[in-house]
Amino acid sequence: MTEIIHTVAELRQRVRAWRSAGDMTGVVPTMGALHEGHLSLARRARLECERVITTIFVNPRQFNNPDDLSRYPRTLDSDAALLKSVPVDVVFAPDVDEVYPDGFITTVSVGGVSEPLEGRMRPGHFDGVATVVTKLLGMTEAQRGYFGQKDWQQLQVVTRLVADLNLPVQIVGCETVREADGLAMSSRNRQLTGAGRNIAPVLYAAISRAADEIRDGQSDRMAIREAAETMRNAGFERVEYIELRDAGTLMPSDDPKRPRRMLAAAWLDGVRLIDNIPV
């Protein structure tokens, strides 16, 4: 049976009872507005752990735009119903004051991997992510944390955070779940118009073609320029970046012997979409 819990005190009662019984706990941190991508993380955790917690918390500290925060969907009842189908053991849905009580002044900042790409376009975003993830890992006392590869840079930030702070949790990166037409599943997709939704898969198609061309010997710069042009011609209002980076450090990389990642962000219908693929 799935239980909805709102306070840290009640959550820790459950978690410590599980730990006393020798159960492994996995946590899937989310901001709600769940889709099949989130559920795939919860199912992976269900396969690997005796106990599963999904957190639902719209974290105000990772939004640069107050309007974006206010528009973010809050759908706890429908989210909980989806999670019961997995099933998870606990949905932890704290209020903002439970996570950031009066007087809270600490910020967790991860250097290096947090600085380029999303860090450049959204200053302070990853400080908010790192702070809330640190808190949620501590609150849930989970032994495993499950994160999607769709947010590749976030996954690297969290992985570095856990390694640098010697946190007793294993971070598990799970493959991006896509719609049949290739669009990466995202809570933001529901904000697209019908016409925008038809255009959106061009993002994945364009960077996939660029990755293929690079593997075939075309220059990185030329392949990326063609991908950006394809997206603009399809109707994307703005291409923020398409970049080829070292998969782990996120530094620029022209070494095909090391794992690399092509990462992209673009605007369509006033909605910011991101995606990434291995190269």
Protein backbone atom coordinates (compact mmCIF):
# COMPACT_ATOMS: atom_id res chain seq x y z
CA MET A 1 0.00 0.00 0.00
CA THR A 2 1.29 3.46 -0.92
CA GLU A 3 1.32 5.99 1.89
CA ILE A 4 1.50 9.77 1.46
CA ILE A 5 3.69 11.48 4.07
CA HIS A 6 4.24 15.22 4.48
CA THR A 7 6.67 15.55 7.41
CA VAL A 8 10.28 14.53 7.94
CA ALA A 9 9.52 13.18 11.41
CA GLU A 10 6.91 10.74 10.12
CA LEU A 11 9.08 9.74 7.16
CA ARG A 12 12.02 8.93 9.41
CA GLN A 13 9.86 6.68 11.57
CA ARG A 14 9.10 4.56 8.50
CA VAL A 15 12.65 4.64 7.14
CA ARG A 16 14.28 3.63 10.40
CA ALA A 17 11.87 0.75 10.84
CA TRP A 18 12.81 -0.46 7.36
CA ARG A 19 16.49 -0.10 8.13
CA SER A 20 16.09 -2.08 11.35
CA ALA A 21 14.51 -4.85 9.29
CA GLY A 22 17.50 -4.84 6.92
CA ASP A 23 15.57 -3.42 3.97
CA MET A 24 17.31 -1.38 1.26
CA THR A 25 15.57 1.90 0.42
CA GLY A 26 15.60 3.59 -2.97
CA VAL A 27 14.47 7.17 -3.58
CA VAL A 28 13.21 8.79 -6.77
CA PRO A 29 13.28 12.59 -6.37
CA THR A 30 10.73 14.43 -8.55
CA MET A 31 8.88 17.72 -8.75
CA GLY A 32 5.62 15.97 -9.61
CA ALA A 33 3.61 16.29 -12.83
CA LEU A 34 4.65 12.68 -13.35
CA HIS A 35 4.91 10.88 -16.67
CA GLU A 36 6.16 7.51 -17.88
CA GLY A 37 9.77 8.61 -17.51
CA HIS A 38 9.32 9.14 -13.77
CA LEU A 39 7.42 5.88 -13.43
CA SER A 40 10.25 4.00 -15.16
CA LEU A 41 12.61 5.28 -12.44
CA ALA A 42 10.22 4.11 -9.73
CA ARG A 43 9.90 0.69 -11.37
CA ARG A 44 13.68 0.35 -11.56
CA ALA A 45 13.90 1.20 -7.86
CA ARG A 46 11.14 -1.32 -7.14
CA LEU A 47 13.14 -4.06 -8.85
CA GLU A 48 16.34 -3.28 -6.95
CA CYS A 49 15.17 -2.21 -3.49
CA GLU A 50 12.90 -3.62 -0.81
CA ARG A 51 11.45 -0.16 -0.13
CA VAL A 52 10.82 2.75 -2.51
CA ILE A 53 10.17 6.42 -1.77
CA THR A 54 9.19 8.92 -4.45
CA THR A 55 9.53 12.53 -3.39
CA ILE A 56 7.28 15.20 -4.87
CA PHE A 57 8.50 18.71 -4.14
CA VAL A 58 8.44 21.72 -6.45
CA ASN A 59 11.73 23.23 -5.38
CA PRO A 60 11.58 27.04 -5.52
CA ARG A 61 15.36 27.35 -5.27
CA GLN A 62 16.02 25.87 -8.70
CA PHE A 63 13.76 28.22 -10.67
CA ASN A 64 15.31 31.35 -12.17
CA ASN A 65 11.95 32.75 -13.30
CA PRO A 66 9.13 33.24 -10.73
CA ASP A 67 6.55 32.87 -13.51
CA ASP A 68 8.02 29.47 -14.40
CA LEU A 69 7.70 28.42 -10.76
CA SER A 70 4.09 29.57 -10.53
CA ARG A 71 3.17 27.82 -13.79
CA TYR A 72 4.73 24.50 -12.84
CA PRO A 73 1.88 21.97 -12.48
CA ARG A 74 0.95 20.70 -9.01
CA THR A 75 -0.88 17.40 -9.46
CA LEU A 76 -0.32 15.47 -6.23
CA ASP A 77 -3.54 13.43 -6.32
CA SER A 78 -3.03 12.15 -9.87
CA ASP A 79 0.70 11.64 -9.24
CA ALA A 80 -0.04 9.54 -6.16
CA ALA A 81 -2.51 7.44 -8.14
CA LEU A 82 0.16 6.72 -10.76
CA LEU A 83 2.70 5.77 -8.10
CA LYS A 84 0.26 3.35 -6.48
CA SER A 85 0.38 1.37 -9.72
CA VAL A 86 4.13 0.75 -9.35
CA PRO A 87 3.67 0.52 -6.32
CA VAL A 88 5.96 2.70 -4.24
CA ASP A 89 5.86 2.43 -0.47
CA VAL A 90 5.85 6.14 0.33
CA VAL A 91 5.13 9.36 -1.52
CA PHE A 92 6.95 12.06 0.41
CA ALA A 93 5.34 15.42 -0.41
CA PRO A 94 6.62 18.05 2.02
CA ASP A 95 5.57 21.69 2.12
CA VAL A 96 8.18 24.35 1.37
CA ASP A 97 8.43 25.21 5.08
CA GLU A 98 9.25 21.58 5.87
CA VAL A 99 12.23 21.64 3.52
CA TYR A 100 13.30 25.25 4.04
CA PRO A 101 12.17 26.32 7.53
CA ASP A 102 12.51 29.87 8.83
CA GLY A 103 16.17 30.75 9.21
CA PHE A 104 17.42 28.30 6.57
CA ILE A 105 20.57 29.86 5.08
CA THR A 106 22.66 26.97 3.69
CA THR A 107 23.38 26.53 -0.01
CA VAL A 108 25.19 23.53 -1.51
CA SER A 109 27.23 24.46 -4.57
CA VAL A 110 29.00 21.96 -6.83
CA GLY A 111 31.73 23.51 -8.98
CA GLY A 112 33.03 22.29 -12.31
CA VAL A 113 30.26 20.18 -13.83
CA SER A 114 27.56 22.66 -12.76
CA GLU A 115 29.11 25.68 -14.49
CA PRO A 116 28.73 25.23 -18.30
CA LEU A 117 25.58 24.67 -20.38
CA GLU A 118 22.58 24.82 -18.00
CA GLY A 119 24.74 26.52 -15.39
CA ARG A 120 25.60 29.26 -17.87
CA MET A 121 22.02 29.73 -19.05
CA ARG A 122 20.38 29.39 -15.63
CA PRO A 123 22.67 30.89 -12.98
CA GLY A 124 22.06 29.43 -9.53
CA HIS A 125 19.89 26.60 -10.84
CA PHE A 126 22.25 23.82 -9.84
CA ASP A 127 22.85 25.36 -6.42
CA GLY A 128 19.13 24.89 -5.86
CA VAL A 129 19.26 21.34 -7.21
CA ALA A 130 22.29 20.38 -5.13
CA THR A 131 20.80 21.86 -1.98
CA VAL A 132 17.45 20.11 -2.27
CA VAL A 133 18.98 16.77 -3.33
CA THR A 134 21.32 16.88 -0.33
CA LYS A 135 18.33 17.51 1.92
CA LEU A 136 16.14 14.82 0.35
CA LEU A 137 18.89 12.20 0.52
CA GLY A 138 19.34 13.04 4.19
CA MET A 139 15.62 13.04 4.94
CA THR A 140 14.96 9.72 3.23
CA GLU A 141 18.21 8.03 4.35
CA ALA A 142 18.05 6.08 1.08
CA GLN A 143 20.84 3.75 0.00
CA ARG A 144 20.11 4.34 -3.70
CA GLY A 145 18.95 7.41 -5.60
CA TYR A 146 17.43 7.14 -9.09
CA PHE A 147 17.83 9.94 -11.64
CA GLY A 148 17.05 10.11 -15.35
CA GLN A 149 19.70 10.62 -18.02
CA LYS A 150 17.46 13.14 -19.78
CA ASP A 151 18.83 15.71 -17.34
CA TRP A 152 22.40 14.57 -18.01
CA GLN A 153 24.13 17.55 -16.45
CA GLN A 154 21.98 17.26 -13.33
CA LEU A 155 22.95 13.59 -13.08
CA GLN A 156 26.64 14.53 -13.21
CA VAL A 157 26.14 17.26 -10.59
CA VAL A 158 24.41 14.84 -8.21
CA THR A 159 27.02 12.14 -8.82
CA ARG A 160 29.84 14.58 -8.04
CA LEU A 161 27.98 15.90 -4.99
CA VAL A 162 27.62 12.42 -3.51
CA ALA A 163 31.24 11.51 -4.24
CA ASP A 164 32.71 14.73 -2.86
CA LEU A 165 30.65 14.68 0.35
CA ASN A 166 31.06 10.90 0.89
CA LEU A 167 27.30 10.48 1.16
CA PRO A 168 26.31 6.84 1.79
CA VAL A 169 24.11 6.51 -1.29
CA GLN A 170 24.58 5.02 -4.76
CA ILE A 171 23.37 7.21 -7.62
CA VAL A 172 21.74 5.21 -10.42
CA GLY A 173 21.36 6.89 -13.81
CA CYS A 174 18.47 5.54 -15.90
CA GLU A 175 17.99 5.84 -19.64
CA THR A 176 15.82 8.57 -21.11
CA VAL A 177 12.27 7.46 -21.87
CA ARG A 178 10.95 8.79 -25.18
CA GLU A 179 7.65 9.13 -26.96
CA ALA A 180 7.17 7.03 -30.09
CA ASP A 181 8.39 9.95 -32.23
CA GLY A 182 11.59 10.37 -30.20
CA LEU A 183 10.65 13.35 -28.03
CA ALA A 184 12.13 12.95 -24.56
CA MET A 185 9.36 12.71 -21.99
CA SER A 186 9.16 15.83 -19.84
CA SER A 187 6.59 17.52 -17.63
CA ARG A 188 7.09 20.63 -19.77
CA ASN A 189 5.82 18.88 -22.91
CA ARG A 190 2.24 19.37 -21.74
CA GLN A 191 2.75 23.15 -22.13
CA LEU A 192 3.29 22.82 -25.89
CA THR A 193 0.53 23.67 -28.37
CA GLY A 194 -0.62 20.97 -30.77
CA ALA A 195 1.52 22.45 -33.52
CA GLY A 196 4.49 22.77 -31.18
CA ARG A 197 4.14 19.18 -30.09
CA ASN A 198 4.41 18.11 -33.73
CA ILE A 199 7.61 20.13 -34.17
CA ALA A 200 9.27 19.16 -30.87
CA PRO A 201 10.69 15.77 -32.01
CA VAL A 202 12.94 17.65 -34.44
CA LEU A 203 15.23 18.39 -31.47
CA TYR A 204 16.07 14.72 -30.97
CA ALA A 205 16.20 14.02 -34.71
CA ALA A 206 18.58 16.92 -35.35
CA ILE A 207 21.09 16.05 -32.64
CA SER A 208 20.89 12.35 -33.53
CA ARG A 209 21.79 13.16 -37.13
CA ALA A 210 24.63 15.42 -35.94
CA ALA A 211 25.99 12.65 -33.73
CA ASP A 212 25.88 10.20 -36.64
CA GLU A 213 27.72 12.67 -38.87
CA ILE A 214 30.42 13.24 -36.27
CA ARG A 215 30.92 9.50 -35.88
CA ASP A 216 31.25 9.32 -39.68
CA GLY A 217 34.04 11.89 -39.65
CA GLN A 218 32.31 15.23 -40.21
CA SER A 219 33.63 18.13 -38.14
CA ASP A 220 31.86 18.78 -34.85
CA ARG A 221 31.28 22.42 -35.70
CA MET A 222 29.70 21.71 -39.08
CA ALA A 223 27.41 18.97 -37.76
CA ILE A 224 26.24 21.14 -34.86
CA ARG A 225 25.65 24.16 -37.14
CA GLU A 226 23.47 22.01 -39.42
CA ALA A 227 21.49 20.68 -36.43
CA ALA A 228 20.77 24.20 -35.18
CA GLU A 229 19.70 25.31 -38.67
CA THR A 230 17.38 22.29 -38.97
CA MET A 231 15.72 23.20 -35.68
CA ARG A 232 15.27 26.87 -36.55
CA ASN A 233 13.84 25.98 -39.96
CA ALA A 234 11.37 23.62 -38.27
CA GLY A 235 10.01 26.41 -36.08
CA PHE A 236 12.09 26.53 -32.90
CA GLU A 237 12.21 30.14 -31.73
CA ARG A 238 15.72 29.96 -30.31
CA VAL A 239 18.47 27.38 -30.02
CA GLU A 240 20.32 28.16 -26.79
CA TYR A 241 23.07 25.64 -27.25
CA ILE A 242 24.08 22.42 -28.96
CA GLU A 243 27.44 21.31 -27.62
CA LEU A 244 29.64 18.23 -27.61
CA ARG A 245 31.13 17.60 -24.17
CA ASP A 246 33.05 15.00 -22.20
CA ALA A 247 30.33 12.80 -20.71
CA GLY A 248 31.74 12.96 -17.19
CA THR A 249 33.42 16.33 -16.76
CA LEU A 250 31.23 18.23 -19.26
CA MET A 251 34.33 20.00 -20.51
CA PRO A 252 34.64 20.56 -24.28
CA SER A 253 35.97 17.38 -25.88
CA ASP A 254 37.33 16.48 -29.29
CA ASP A 255 38.67 13.10 -28.16
CA PRO A 256 36.51 10.35 -29.71
CA LYS A 257 38.22 7.76 -27.49
CA ARG A 258 36.50 9.17 -24.41
CA PRO A 259 32.74 8.93 -23.78
CA ARG A 260 31.13 12.10 -25.09
CA ARG A 261 27.67 13.58 -24.92
CA MET A 262 25.85 15.98 -27.21
CA LEU A 263 23.61 18.25 -25.16
CA ALA A 264 21.05 20.74 -26.45
CA ALA A 265 18.53 23.29 -25.22
CA ALA A 266 16.02 25.22 -27.32
CA TRP A 267 12.79 27.18 -27.06
CA LEU A 268 9.53 26.19 -28.76
CA ASP A 269 6.10 27.71 -28.03
CA GLY A 270 7.72 29.60 -25.17
CA VAL A 271 8.71 26.26 -23.61
CA ARG A 272 12.34 25.40 -22.95
CA LEU A 273 13.20 21.85 -24.07
CA ILE A 274 16.44 19.98 -23.37
CA ASP A 275 17.83 16.68 -24.61
CA ASN A 276 21.12 14.81 -24.90
CA ILE A 277 22.55 11.70 -26.52
CA PRO A 278 25.83 9.77 -26.43
CA VAL A 279 28.29 10.30 -29.28
